Amino acid sequence: MNDQSNASEQTSAPRVGMLTISSEYTGQRLDNFLITLLKGVPKSHIYRILRKGEVRVNKGRVQAAYRLQEGDVVRIPPLRLAEPTATPSVHNKQLQDLEQRILYEDEQVIVVDKPAGMAVHGGSGISYGMIEALRQMRPQCQALELVHRLDRDTSGCLLLAKKRSALKSLHEQMREGKTTKIYLALVKGAWRGEARKIEVALRKNTLQSGERMVRVDHVEGKAATTLFSPEAVYARASLVRATLYTGRTHQIRVHAQHMGRPVAGDPKYGDAPFNKEMKTHGLKRLFLHAHILGFHLPGVAKQIIVTAPLAEELRQVLNGLEQGRGGL
């Protein structure tokens, strides 16, 4: 009952016990730590036992917002856990395909070339996504978490952390704009001139239907910056590099729309006649690809740069546009 264990090694919620916090969890809020640890326990119940003082840190009562420190001893009271639900099983063929898509892996992170059409996580009618599949592929990586997200229809570099220390460091880098994130996008019209930087604030809205929409909002929006650079110009479309200086939801798609060059195949922010025209060139999806990802890892001096090649289906679209190619 009072056996003491290490939180970095804990894989399932104990019925009662004393957990010693390792450096992996330093700085994490107590409530978030418990929500992750006590899978099957409703959040409302977790906050209830916190309010009642049934969870103790170093034998004392603490608030839900308390930041854990290395060496803290957390008491977990006896809890009745819900029966675990069956983990969605990903077909072996799909796992084999994803294994071939791993671009970089070490003891701290995995970078995978996410295929278009696959969500980053399950939910909203989707039984599983990239995170569930990779957890099935790497069952020994018990702390595997998404570092960032890609839209379901976007392909390319997706970064996951195997350790909380790596997750914390990478989140900090992204907040401070220290990561390199470059996308390839096909946009409407023949590009004229040099690179163009769009610095337009964006605001995220949720419609009554639950759909997320992002709009330009100079008053209440959050600062967002994208640099668009021409790679190839065709008669009716252009391939551009989009370098992100911030990481807002749908940022590239909305900034492209704002400058009058919506991304090809975009059903939400795109141009319907342009999308229809691109279909004649074989485009069946959003032409947006996370091409280059650069980041630093704790204890590694050199920046890691990972490149995801453009998918063959998108290369075929570009080949179909070659006939009407223009000049920069």
C-alpha atoms as a PDB file:
ATOM      1  CA  MET A   1       0.000   0.000   0.000  1.00  0.00           C
ATOM      2  CA  ASN A   2       2.741   2.441   0.865  1.00  0.00           C
ATOM      3  CA  ASP A   3       5.313   1.200  -1.638  1.00  0.00           C
ATOM      4  CA  GLN A   4       7.210   4.124  -3.088  1.00  0.00           C
ATOM      5  CA  SER A   5       7.802   4.230  -6.866  1.00  0.00           C
ATOM      6  CA  ASN A   6       9.282   6.639  -9.366  1.00  0.00           C
ATOM      7  CA  ALA A   7       6.863   8.724 -11.462  1.00  0.00           C
ATOM      8  CA  SER A   8       9.042   8.459 -14.565  1.00  0.00           C
ATOM      9  CA  GLU A   9       8.548   4.677 -14.512  1.00  0.00           C
ATOM     10  CA  GLN A  10       4.856   4.629 -13.581  1.00  0.00           C
ATOM     11  CA  THR A  11       2.806   3.262 -16.478  1.00  0.00           C
ATOM     12  CA  SER A  12      -0.608   2.905 -14.891  1.00  0.00           C
ATOM     13  CA  ALA A  13      -2.521   4.571 -12.072  1.00  0.00           C
ATOM     14  CA  PRO A  14      -1.846   3.017  -8.639  1.00  0.00           C
ATOM     15  CA  ARG A  15      -4.768   2.286  -6.336  1.00  0.00           C
ATOM     16  CA  VAL A  16      -2.864   4.013  -3.547  1.00  0.00           C
ATOM     17  CA  GLY A  17       0.753   4.919  -3.200  1.00  0.00           C
ATOM     18  CA  MET A  18       3.541   7.396  -2.808  1.00  0.00           C
ATOM     19  CA  LEU A  19       5.203   8.617  -5.990  1.00  0.00           C
ATOM     20  CA  THR A  20       8.582  10.332  -6.067  1.00  0.00           C
ATOM     21  CA  ILE A  21       8.789  12.937  -8.832  1.00  0.00           C
ATOM     22  CA  SER A  22      11.737  12.613 -11.209  1.00  0.00           C
ATOM     23  CA  SER A  23      13.334  15.431 -13.175  1.00  0.00           C
ATOM     24  CA  GLU A  24      11.146  14.490 -16.170  1.00  0.00           C
ATOM     25  CA  TYR A  25       8.120  16.034 -14.432  1.00  0.00           C
ATOM     26  CA  THR A  26       9.752  19.104 -12.883  1.00  0.00           C
ATOM     27  CA  GLY A  27       7.599  22.164 -13.543  1.00  0.00           C
ATOM     28  CA  GLN A  28       4.429  20.291 -14.523  1.00  0.00           C
ATOM     29  CA  ARG A  29       1.191  21.335 -12.851  1.00  0.00           C
ATOM     30  CA  LEU A  30      -0.077  18.823 -10.331  1.00  0.00           C
ATOM     31  CA  ASP A  31      -3.541  18.594 -11.892  1.00  0.00           C
ATOM     32  CA  ASN A  32      -2.139  17.884 -15.358  1.00  0.00           C
ATOM     33  CA  PHE A  33       0.217  15.279 -13.908  1.00  0.00           C
ATOM     34  CA  LEU A  34      -2.696  13.497 -12.225  1.00  0.00           C
ATOM     35  CA  ILE A  35      -4.926  13.664 -15.311  1.00  0.00           C
ATOM     36  CA  THR A  36      -2.214  11.917 -17.324  1.00  0.00           C
ATOM     37  CA  LEU A  37      -1.376   9.431 -14.579  1.00  0.00           C
ATOM     38  CA  LEU A  38      -4.908   8.508 -13.528  1.00  0.00           C
ATOM     39  CA  LYS A  39      -6.320   7.402 -16.848  1.00  0.00           C
ATOM     40  CA  GLY A  40      -9.920   6.277 -16.385  1.00  0.00           C
ATOM     41  CA  VAL A  41     -10.607   8.747 -13.569  1.00  0.00           C
ATOM     42  CA  PRO A  42     -12.910  11.641 -14.560  1.00  0.00           C
ATOM     43  CA  LYS A  43     -11.303  15.080 -14.368  1.00  0.00           C
ATOM     44  CA  SER A  44     -14.091  16.249 -12.077  1.00  0.00           C
ATOM     45  CA  HIS A  45     -13.133  13.559  -9.554  1.00  0.00           C
ATOM     46  CA  ILE A  46      -9.444  14.464  -9.767  1.00  0.00           C
ATOM     47  CA  TYR A  47     -10.235  18.094  -8.952  1.00  0.00           C
ATOM     48  CA  ARG A  48     -12.527  16.956  -6.139  1.00  0.00           C
ATOM     49  CA  ILE A  49      -9.803  14.931  -4.393  1.00  0.00           C
ATOM     50  CA  LEU A  50      -7.431  17.868  -4.843  1.00  0.00           C
ATOM     51  CA  ARG A  51      -9.900  20.272  -3.215  1.00  0.00           C
ATOM     52  CA  LYS A  52     -10.515  17.861  -0.333  1.00  0.00           C
ATOM     53  CA  GLY A  53      -6.780  17.503   0.289  1.00  0.00           C
ATOM     54  CA  GLU A  54      -6.711  13.761  -0.413  1.00  0.00           C
ATOM     55  CA  VAL A  55      -3.738  14.287  -2.702  1.00  0.00           C
ATOM     56  CA  ARG A  56      -0.728  15.406  -0.691  1.00  0.00           C
ATOM     57  CA  VAL A  57       2.705  16.635  -1.764  1.00  0.00           C
ATOM     58  CA  ASN A  58       5.450  16.157   0.832  1.00  0.00           C
ATOM     59  CA  LYS A  59       2.682  15.401   3.351  1.00  0.00           C
ATOM     60  CA  GLY A  60       1.033  18.789   2.843  1.00  0.00           C
ATOM     61  CA  ARG A  61      -2.020  20.092   1.011  1.00  0.00           C
ATOM     62  CA  VAL A  62      -1.358  21.932  -2.245  1.00  0.00           C
ATOM     63  CA  GLN A  63      -3.369  23.630  -4.959  1.00  0.00           C
ATOM     64  CA  ALA A  64      -4.122  22.102  -8.357  1.00  0.00           C
ATOM     65  CA  ALA A  65      -1.786  24.637  -9.966  1.00  0.00           C
ATOM     66  CA  TYR A  66       1.189  23.595  -7.837  1.00  0.00           C
ATOM     67  CA  ARG A  67       4.308  23.036  -9.985  1.00  0.00           C
ATOM     68  CA  LEU A  68       6.002  19.741  -9.207  1.00  0.00           C
ATOM     69  CA  GLN A  69       9.673  19.683  -8.259  1.00  0.00           C
ATOM     70  CA  GLU A  70      12.189  16.856  -8.521  1.00  0.00           C
ATOM     71  CA  GLY A  71      12.119  14.823  -5.330  1.00  0.00           C
ATOM     72  CA  ASP A  72       8.543  15.768  -4.360  1.00  0.00           C
ATOM     73  CA  VAL A  73       6.612  12.859  -2.872  1.00  0.00           C
ATOM     74  CA  VAL A  74       2.999  12.743  -4.041  1.00  0.00           C
ATOM     75  CA  ARG A  75       0.408  10.699  -2.159  1.00  0.00           C
ATOM     76  CA  ILE A  76      -2.291   9.191  -4.370  1.00  0.00           C
ATOM     77  CA  PRO A  77      -5.417   8.133  -2.410  1.00  0.00           C
ATOM     78  CA  PRO A  78      -7.296   4.873  -3.110  1.00  0.00           C
ATOM     79  CA  LEU A  79      -9.348   5.285  -6.280  1.00  0.00           C
ATOM     80  CA  ARG A  80     -11.832   3.147  -8.136  1.00  0.00           C
ATOM     81  CA  LEU A  81     -10.724   3.254 -11.749  1.00  0.00           C
ATOM     82  CA  ALA A  82     -13.053   2.828 -14.684  1.00  0.00           C
ATOM     83  CA  GLU A  83     -12.613  -0.345 -16.671  1.00  0.00           C
ATOM     84  CA  PRO A  84     -10.018   0.378 -19.344  1.00  0.00           C
ATOM     85  CA  THR A  85     -11.459   0.722 -22.818  1.00  0.00           C
ATOM     86  CA  ALA A  86      -9.957  -1.302 -25.589  1.00  0.00           C
ATOM     87  CA  THR A  87      -7.082   0.515 -27.240  1.00  0.00           C
ATOM     88  CA  PRO A  88      -7.795   1.046 -30.941  1.00  0.00           C
ATOM     89  CA  SER A  89      -5.711  -1.416 -32.911  1.00  0.00           C
ATOM     90  CA  VAL A  90      -3.949  -0.176 -36.025  1.00  0.00           C
ATOM     91  CA  HIS A  91      -3.603  -2.666 -38.868  1.00  0.00           C
ATOM     92  CA  ASN A  92      -0.136  -4.156 -39.301  1.00  0.00           C
ATOM     93  CA  LYS A  93       0.043  -2.978 -42.914  1.00  0.00           C
ATOM     94  CA  GLN A  94      -0.499   0.618 -41.828  1.00  0.00           C
ATOM     95  CA  LEU A  95       2.071   0.256 -39.049  1.00  0.00           C
ATOM     96  CA  GLN A  96       4.582  -1.078 -41.583  1.00  0.00           C
ATOM     97  CA  ASP A  97       3.886   1.919 -43.822  1.00  0.00           C
ATOM     98  CA  LEU A  98       4.391   4.339 -40.917  1.00  0.00           C
ATOM     99  CA  GLU A  99       7.624   2.576 -39.951  1.00  0.00           C
ATOM    100  CA  GLN A 100       8.917   3.352 -43.439  1.00  0.00           C
ATOM    101  CA  ARG A 101       7.886   6.980 -42.944  1.00  0.00           C
ATOM    102  CA  ILE A 102      10.083   7.587 -39.896  1.00  0.00           C
ATOM    103  CA  LEU A 103      12.546  10.278 -40.952  1.00  0.00           C
ATOM    104  CA  TYR A 104      14.538  10.589 -37.733  1.00  0.00           C
ATOM    105  CA  GLU A 105      14.589   8.830 -34.379  1.00  0.00           C
ATOM    106  CA  ASP A 106      16.790   8.860 -31.288  1.00  0.00           C
ATOM    107  CA  GLU A 107      16.278   8.271 -27.565  1.00  0.00           C
ATOM    108  CA  GLN A 108      14.427  11.603 -27.192  1.00  0.00           C
ATOM    109  CA  VAL A 109      12.246  12.156 -30.276  1.00  0.00           C
ATOM    110  CA  ILE A 110      10.674  10.685 -33.400  1.00  0.00           C
ATOM    111  CA  VAL A 111      10.024  12.622 -36.618  1.00  0.00           C
ATOM    112  CA  VAL A 112       7.615  10.940 -39.012  1.00  0.00           C
ATOM    113  CA  ASP A 113       6.411  11.915 -42.481  1.00  0.00           C
ATOM    114  CA  LYS A 114       2.678  12.080 -41.746  1.00  0.00           C
ATOM    115  CA  PRO A 115       0.525  11.010 -44.684  1.00  0.00           C
ATOM    116  CA  ALA A 116      -2.265  13.317 -45.795  1.00  0.00           C
ATOM    117  CA  GLY A 117      -5.684  12.205 -44.584  1.00  0.00           C
ATOM    118  CA  MET A 118      -4.479  10.801 -41.260  1.00  0.00           C
ATOM    119  CA  ALA A 119      -5.306  12.781 -38.137  1.00  0.00           C
ATOM    120  CA  VAL A 120      -2.616  13.372 -35.519  1.00  0.00           C
ATOM    121  CA  HIS A 121      -4.857  11.851 -32.830  1.00  0.00           C
ATOM    122  CA  GLY A 122      -8.142  10.005 -32.499  1.00  0.00           C
ATOM    123  CA  GLY A 123     -11.456  11.586 -31.526  1.00  0.00           C
ATOM    124  CA  SER A 124     -14.560  13.087 -33.142  1.00  0.00           C
ATOM    125  CA  GLY A 125     -15.417   9.838 -34.890  1.00  0.00           C
ATOM    126  CA  ILE A 126     -11.790   8.913 -35.626  1.00  0.00           C
ATOM    127  CA  SER A 127     -10.762   5.741 -33.781  1.00  0.00           C
ATOM    128  CA  TYR A 128      -7.046   6.434 -33.949  1.00  0.00           C
ATOM    129  CA  GLY A 129      -4.481   8.846 -35.321  1.00  0.00           C
ATOM    130  CA  MET A 130      -0.712   9.199 -35.565  1.00  0.00           C
ATOM    131  CA  ILE A 131      -0.119   9.285 -31.811  1.00  0.00           C
ATOM    132  CA  GLU A 132      -2.112   6.108 -31.164  1.00  0.00           C
ATOM    133  CA  ALA A 133      -0.393   4.309 -34.044  1.00  0.00           C
ATOM    134  CA  LEU A 134       3.093   5.333 -32.900  1.00  0.00           C
ATOM    135  CA  ARG A 135       2.357   4.311 -29.320  1.00  0.00           C
ATOM    136  CA  GLN A 136       1.405   0.905 -30.676  1.00  0.00           C
ATOM    137  CA  MET A 137       4.634   0.809 -32.699  1.00  0.00           C
ATOM    138  CA  ARG A 138       6.777   1.918 -29.743  1.00  0.00           C
ATOM    139  CA  PRO A 139       5.113   0.429 -26.623  1.00  0.00           C
ATOM    140  CA  GLN A 140       8.328   0.943 -24.652  1.00  0.00           C
ATOM    141  CA  CYS A 141       8.012   4.731 -25.110  1.00  0.00           C
ATOM    142  CA  GLN A 142       5.492   5.275 -22.331  1.00  0.00           C
ATOM    143  CA  ALA A 143       5.815   9.085 -22.346  1.00  0.00           C
ATOM    144  CA  LEU A 144       5.364   9.503 -26.119  1.00  0.00           C
ATOM    145  CA  GLU A 145       3.533  12.775 -26.859  1.00  0.00           C
ATOM    146  CA  LEU A 146       2.909  15.089 -29.803  1.00  0.00           C
ATOM    147  CA  VAL A 147       5.154  18.155 -29.791  1.00  0.00           C
ATOM    148  CA  HIS A 148       2.964  19.976 -32.318  1.00  0.00           C
ATOM    149  CA  ARG A 149       0.083  19.223 -34.673  1.00  0.00           C
ATOM    150  CA  LEU A 150      -0.591  19.130 -38.391  1.00  0.00           C
ATOM    151  CA  ASP A 151      -4.001  19.452 -40.001  1.00  0.00           C
ATOM    152  CA  ARG A 152      -5.438  16.115 -41.074  1.00  0.00           C
ATOM    153  CA  ASP A 153      -5.015  16.938 -44.783  1.00  0.00           C
ATOM    154  CA  THR A 154      -1.455  18.262 -44.381  1.00  0.00           C
ATOM    155  CA  SER A 155       1.459  15.877 -44.943  1.00  0.00           C
ATOM    156  CA  GLY A 156       5.073  16.030 -43.811  1.00  0.00           C
ATOM    157  CA  CYS A 157       7.272  16.374 -40.733  1.00  0.00           C
ATOM    158  CA  LEU A 158       5.489  15.600 -37.467  1.00  0.00           C
ATOM    159  CA  LEU A 159       7.550  15.719 -34.269  1.00  0.00           C
ATOM    160  CA  LEU A 160       6.899  13.568 -31.199  1.00  0.00           C
ATOM    161  CA  ALA A 161       8.805  13.500 -27.904  1.00  0.00           C
ATOM    162  CA  LYS A 162       9.675  10.303 -26.058  1.00  0.00           C
ATOM    163  CA  LYS A 163      10.619  12.107 -22.840  1.00  0.00           C
ATOM    164  CA  ARG A 164       8.973  14.903 -20.919  1.00  0.00           C
ATOM    165  CA  SER A 165      12.287  16.774 -20.753  1.00  0.00           C
ATOM    166  CA  ALA A 166      12.440  16.830 -24.553  1.00  0.00           C
ATOM    167  CA  LEU A 167       8.758  17.822 -24.752  1.00  0.00           C
ATOM    168  CA  LYS A 168       9.296  20.778 -22.394  1.00  0.00           C
ATOM    169  CA  SER A 169      12.385  21.951 -24.268  1.00  0.00           C
ATOM    170  CA  LEU A 170      10.748  21.716 -27.687  1.00  0.00           C
ATOM    171  CA  HIS A 171       7.599  23.514 -26.532  1.00  0.00           C
ATOM    172  CA  GLU A 172       9.778  26.313 -25.174  1.00  0.00           C
ATOM    173  CA  GLN A 173      11.670  26.536 -28.467  1.00  0.00           C
ATOM    174  CA  MET A 174       8.417  26.781 -30.402  1.00  0.00           C
ATOM    175  CA  ARG A 175       7.065  29.495 -28.112  1.00  0.00           C
ATOM    176  CA  GLU A 176      10.274  31.487 -28.576  1.00  0.00           C
ATOM    177  CA  GLY A 177      10.387  30.957 -32.354  1.00  0.00           C
ATOM    178  CA  LYS A 178      13.629  28.971 -32.209  1.00  0.00           C
ATOM    179  CA  THR A 179      12.479  26.070 -34.370  1.00  0.00           C
ATOM    180  CA  THR A 180      12.658  25.998 -38.168  1.00  0.00           C
ATOM    181  CA  LYS A 181       9.366  25.132 -39.879  1.00  0.00           C
ATOM    182  CA  ILE A 182       9.186  25.361 -43.670  1.00  0.00           C
ATOM    183  CA  TYR A 183       6.239  24.162 -45.746  1.00  0.00           C
ATOM    184  CA  LEU A 184       5.672  23.722 -49.468  1.00  0.00           C
ATOM    185  CA  ALA A 185       2.339  24.950 -50.806  1.00  0.00           C
ATOM    186  CA  LEU A 186       0.758  25.349 -54.226  1.00  0.00           C
ATOM    187  CA  VAL A 187      -1.081  28.673 -54.345  1.00  0.00           C
ATOM    188  CA  LYS A 188      -3.356  30.380 -56.817  1.00  0.00           C
ATOM    189  CA  GLY A 189      -1.941  32.475 -59.656  1.00  0.00           C
ATOM    190  CA  ALA A 190       1.452  33.153 -61.226  1.00  0.00           C
ATOM    191  CA  TRP A 191       3.714  34.682 -58.566  1.00  0.00           C
ATOM    192  CA  ARG A 192       5.281  38.037 -59.403  1.00  0.00           C
ATOM    193  CA  GLY A 193       8.283  39.509 -57.640  1.00  0.00           C
ATOM    194  CA  GLU A 194      10.336  38.261 -54.722  1.00  0.00           C
ATOM    195  CA  ALA A 195       9.471  36.809 -51.325  1.00  0.00           C
ATOM    196  CA  ARG A 196       6.595  38.355 -49.376  1.00  0.00           C
ATOM    197  CA  LYS A 197       6.268  38.487 -45.598  1.00  0.00           C
ATOM    198  CA  ILE A 198       2.734  38.481 -44.203  1.00  0.00           C
ATOM    199  CA  GLU A 199       2.411  39.879 -40.683  1.00  0.00           C
ATOM    200  CA  VAL A 200      -1.304  39.712 -39.976  1.00  0.00           C
ATOM    201  CA  ALA A 201      -2.922  38.851 -36.622  1.00  0.00           C
ATOM    202  CA  LEU A 202      -5.229  35.830 -36.526  1.00  0.00           C
ATOM    203  CA  ARG A 203      -8.109  34.891 -34.298  1.00  0.00           C
ATOM    204  CA  LYS A 204      -9.463  31.378 -33.840  1.00  0.00           C
ATOM    205  CA  ASN A 205     -13.229  30.930 -33.711  1.00  0.00           C
ATOM    206  CA  THR A 206     -15.397  27.894 -33.155  1.00  0.00           C
ATOM    207  CA  LEU A 207     -18.640  27.817 -35.114  1.00  0.00           C
ATOM    208  CA  GLN A 208     -21.913  26.566 -33.648  1.00  0.00           C
ATOM    209  CA  SER A 209     -21.343  23.318 -35.537  1.00  0.00           C
ATOM    210  CA  GLY A 210     -18.055  22.856 -33.691  1.00  0.00           C
ATOM    211  CA  GLU A 211     -15.941  23.565 -36.769  1.00  0.00           C
ATOM    212  CA  ARG A 212     -12.811  25.660 -36.188  1.00  0.00           C
ATOM    213  CA  MET A 213     -12.362  28.733 -38.369  1.00  0.00           C
ATOM    214  CA  VAL A 214      -9.540  31.243 -38.259  1.00  0.00           C
ATOM    215  CA  ARG A 215      -9.983  34.843 -39.374  1.00  0.00           C
ATOM    216  CA  VAL A 216      -7.796  37.894 -39.777  1.00  0.00           C
ATOM    217  CA  ASP A 217      -8.421  40.099 -36.743  1.00  0.00           C
ATOM    218  CA  HIS A 218      -6.234  43.170 -36.308  1.00  0.00           C
ATOM    219  CA  VAL A 219      -7.815  44.053 -32.957  1.00  0.00           C
ATOM    220  CA  GLU A 220      -8.225  40.827 -30.966  1.00  0.00           C
ATOM    221  CA  GLY A 221      -6.105  38.419 -33.014  1.00  0.00           C
ATOM    222  CA  LYS A 222      -2.740  36.972 -32.039  1.00  0.00           C
ATOM    223  CA  ALA A 223       0.388  38.065 -33.904  1.00  0.00           C
ATOM    224  CA  ALA A 224       1.268  35.768 -36.815  1.00  0.00           C
ATOM    225  CA  THR A 225       4.073  35.977 -39.376  1.00  0.00           C
ATOM    226  CA  THR A 226       4.684  33.886 -42.511  1.00  0.00           C
ATOM    227  CA  LEU A 227       7.340  34.379 -45.187  1.00  0.00           C
ATOM    228  CA  PHE A 228       6.263  33.186 -48.642  1.00  0.00           C
ATOM    229  CA  SER A 229       9.064  32.573 -51.175  1.00  0.00           C
ATOM    230  CA  PRO A 230       8.492  31.448 -54.797  1.00  0.00           C
ATOM    231  CA  GLU A 231       9.956  28.069 -55.769  1.00  0.00           C
ATOM    232  CA  ALA A 232       8.365  27.556 -59.197  1.00  0.00           C
ATOM    233  CA  VAL A 233       5.843  29.574 -61.173  1.00  0.00           C
ATOM    234  CA  TYR A 234       3.303  28.062 -63.560  1.00  0.00           C
ATOM    235  CA  ALA A 235       0.653  29.660 -65.763  1.00  0.00           C
ATOM    236  CA  ARG A 236      -2.170  29.492 -63.189  1.00  0.00           C
ATOM    237  CA  ALA A 237      -0.448  28.491 -59.943  1.00  0.00           C
ATOM    238  CA  SER A 238       2.814  28.822 -58.022  1.00  0.00           C
ATOM    239  CA  LEU A 239       4.792  26.533 -55.749  1.00  0.00           C
ATOM    240  CA  VAL A 240       5.973  28.494 -52.709  1.00  0.00           C
ATOM    241  CA  ARG A 241       7.966  27.931 -49.554  1.00  0.00           C
ATOM    242  CA  ALA A 242       6.118  29.101 -46.463  1.00  0.00           C
ATOM    243  CA  THR A 243       8.396  29.738 -43.492  1.00  0.00           C
ATOM    244  CA  LEU A 244       6.583  30.013 -40.166  1.00  0.00           C
ATOM    245  CA  TYR A 245       7.781  32.522 -37.579  1.00  0.00           C
ATOM    246  CA  THR A 246       4.754  31.790 -35.392  1.00  0.00           C
ATOM    247  CA  GLY A 247       2.586  28.710 -35.077  1.00  0.00           C
ATOM    248  CA  ARG A 248      -1.059  29.752 -35.202  1.00  0.00           C
ATOM    249  CA  THR A 249      -3.833  27.370 -36.208  1.00  0.00           C
ATOM    250  CA  HIS A 250      -4.301  27.284 -40.020  1.00  0.00           C
ATOM    251  CA  GLN A 251      -1.747  30.118 -40.284  1.00  0.00           C
ATOM    252  CA  ILE A 252      -0.387  29.379 -43.764  1.00  0.00           C
ATOM    253  CA  ARG A 253      -3.830  28.740 -45.227  1.00  0.00           C
ATOM    254  CA  VAL A 254      -5.337  31.962 -43.854  1.00  0.00           C
ATOM    255  CA  HIS A 255      -2.307  34.123 -44.699  1.00  0.00           C
ATOM    256  CA  ALA A 256      -2.297  32.718 -48.240  1.00  0.00           C
ATOM    257  CA  GLN A 257      -5.993  33.534 -48.555  1.00  0.00           C
ATOM    258  CA  HIS A 258      -5.357  37.023 -47.148  1.00  0.00           C
ATOM    259  CA  MET A 259      -2.809  37.874 -49.838  1.00  0.00           C
ATOM    260  CA  GLY A 260      -5.145  36.631 -52.562  1.00  0.00           C
ATOM    261  CA  ARG A 261      -3.289  33.382 -53.226  1.00  0.00           C
ATOM    262  CA  PRO A 262      -5.246  30.611 -51.459  1.00  0.00           C
ATOM    263  CA  VAL A 263      -3.725  27.152 -51.171  1.00  0.00           C
ATOM    264  CA  ALA A 264      -4.791  24.666 -53.818  1.00  0.00           C
ATOM    265  CA  GLY A 265      -7.268  22.038 -52.669  1.00  0.00           C
ATOM    266  CA  ASP A 266      -8.259  23.961 -49.531  1.00  0.00           C
ATOM    267  CA  PRO A 267     -11.997  23.372 -48.947  1.00  0.00           C
ATOM    268  CA  LYS A 268     -12.181  25.811 -46.030  1.00  0.00           C
ATOM    269  CA  TYR A 269     -10.171  28.889 -47.036  1.00  0.00           C
ATOM    270  CA  GLY A 270      -9.618  28.178 -50.714  1.00  0.00           C
ATOM    271  CA  ASP A 271     -11.025  29.272 -54.046  1.00  0.00           C
ATOM    272  CA  ALA A 272     -13.589  26.829 -55.455  1.00  0.00           C
ATOM    273  CA  PRO A 273     -12.962  27.499 -59.203  1.00  0.00           C
ATOM    274  CA  PHE A 274      -9.189  27.270 -58.653  1.00  0.00           C
ATOM    275  CA  ASN A 275      -9.601  24.024 -56.715  1.00  0.00           C
ATOM    276  CA  LYS A 276     -11.724  22.610 -59.537  1.00  0.00           C
ATOM    277  CA  GLU A 277      -9.076  23.593 -62.081  1.00  0.00           C
ATOM    278  CA  MET A 278      -6.316  21.949 -60.033  1.00  0.00           C
ATOM    279  CA  LYS A 279      -8.347  18.751 -59.918  1.00  0.00           C
ATOM    280  CA  THR A 280      -7.913  18.517 -63.671  1.00  0.00           C
ATOM    281  CA  HIS A 281      -4.172  18.318 -62.988  1.00  0.00           C
ATOM    282  CA  GLY A 282      -4.714  15.407 -60.621  1.00  0.00           C
ATOM    283  CA  LEU A 283      -4.885  17.220 -57.270  1.00  0.00           C
ATOM    284  CA  LYS A 284      -7.078  15.266 -54.850  1.00  0.00           C
ATOM    285  CA  ARG A 285      -6.074  16.875 -51.553  1.00  0.00           C
ATOM    286  CA  LEU A 286      -4.821  20.021 -49.854  1.00  0.00           C
ATOM    287  CA  PHE A 287      -1.448  20.931 -51.397  1.00  0.00           C
ATOM    288  CA  LEU A 288       0.340  21.736 -48.152  1.00  0.00           C
ATOM    289  CA  HIS A 289       3.406  19.798 -47.000  1.00  0.00           C
ATOM    290  CA  ALA A 290       5.585  20.257 -43.889  1.00  0.00           C
ATOM    291  CA  HIS A 291       8.884  20.050 -45.754  1.00  0.00           C
ATOM    292  CA  ILE A 292      11.661  21.008 -43.298  1.00  0.00           C
ATOM    293  CA  LEU A 293      11.782  20.887 -39.506  1.00  0.00           C
ATOM    294  CA  GLY A 294      14.742  22.114 -37.432  1.00  0.00           C
ATOM    295  CA  PHE A 295      15.106  21.924 -33.645  1.00  0.00           C
ATOM    296  CA  HIS A 296      17.545  21.466 -30.762  1.00  0.00           C
ATOM    297  CA  LEU A 297      17.457  18.675 -28.177  1.00  0.00           C
ATOM    298  CA  PRO A 298      18.587  18.794 -24.546  1.00  0.00           C
ATOM    299  CA  GLY A 299      22.246  17.812 -24.383  1.00  0.00           C
ATOM    300  CA  VAL A 300      22.760  18.057 -28.147  1.00  0.00           C
ATOM    301  CA  ALA A 301      24.674  21.132 -29.333  1.00  0.00           C
ATOM    302  CA  LYS A 302      23.996  20.886 -33.058  1.00  0.00           C
ATOM    303  CA  GLN A 303      20.590  21.734 -34.516  1.00  0.00           C
ATOM    304  CA  ILE A 304      18.794  18.742 -36.017  1.00  0.00           C
ATOM    305  CA  ILE A 305      17.348  19.367 -39.489  1.00  0.00           C
ATOM    306  CA  VAL A 306      14.848  16.874 -40.923  1.00  0.00           C
ATOM    307  CA  THR A 307      13.424  17.006 -44.451  1.00  0.00           C
ATOM    308  CA  ALA A 308      10.302  15.224 -45.721  1.00  0.00           C
ATOM    309  CA  PRO A 309      10.313  14.807 -49.514  1.00  0.00           C
ATOM    310  CA  LEU A 310       7.281  16.015 -51.403  1.00  0.00           C
ATOM    311  CA  ALA A 311       4.767  13.185 -51.795  1.00  0.00           C
ATOM    312  CA  GLU A 312       4.704  11.514 -55.210  1.00  0.00           C
ATOM    313  CA  GLU A 313       1.042  12.429 -55.718  1.00  0.00           C
ATOM    314  CA  LEU A 314       1.954  16.117 -55.330  1.00  0.00           C
ATOM    315  CA  ARG A 315       4.963  15.785 -57.623  1.00  0.00           C
ATOM    316  CA  GLN A 316       2.642  14.408 -60.277  1.00  0.00           C
ATOM    317  CA  VAL A 317       0.471  17.523 -59.956  1.00  0.00           C
ATOM    318  CA  LEU A 318       3.521  19.722 -60.510  1.00  0.00           C
ATOM    319  CA  ASN A 319       4.485  17.625 -63.529  1.00  0.00           C
ATOM    320  CA  GLY A 320       1.004  18.240 -64.899  1.00  0.00           C
ATOM    321  CA  LEU A 321       1.496  21.995 -64.517  1.00  0.00           C
ATOM    322  CA  GLU A 322       4.876  22.042 -66.267  1.00  0.00           C
ATOM    323  CA  GLN A 323       3.345  22.658 -69.711  1.00  0.00           C
ATOM    324  CA  GLY A 324       2.197  26.124 -68.706  1.00  0.00           C
ATOM    325  CA  ARG A 325       5.251  27.023 -66.663  1.00  0.00           C
ATOM    326  CA  GLY A 326       6.128  30.715 -66.526  1.00  0.00           C
ATOM    327  CA  GLY A 327       9.169  32.522 -65.171  1.00  0.00           C
ATOM    328  CA  LEU A 328      10.132  34.219 -61.912  1.00  0.00           C
END
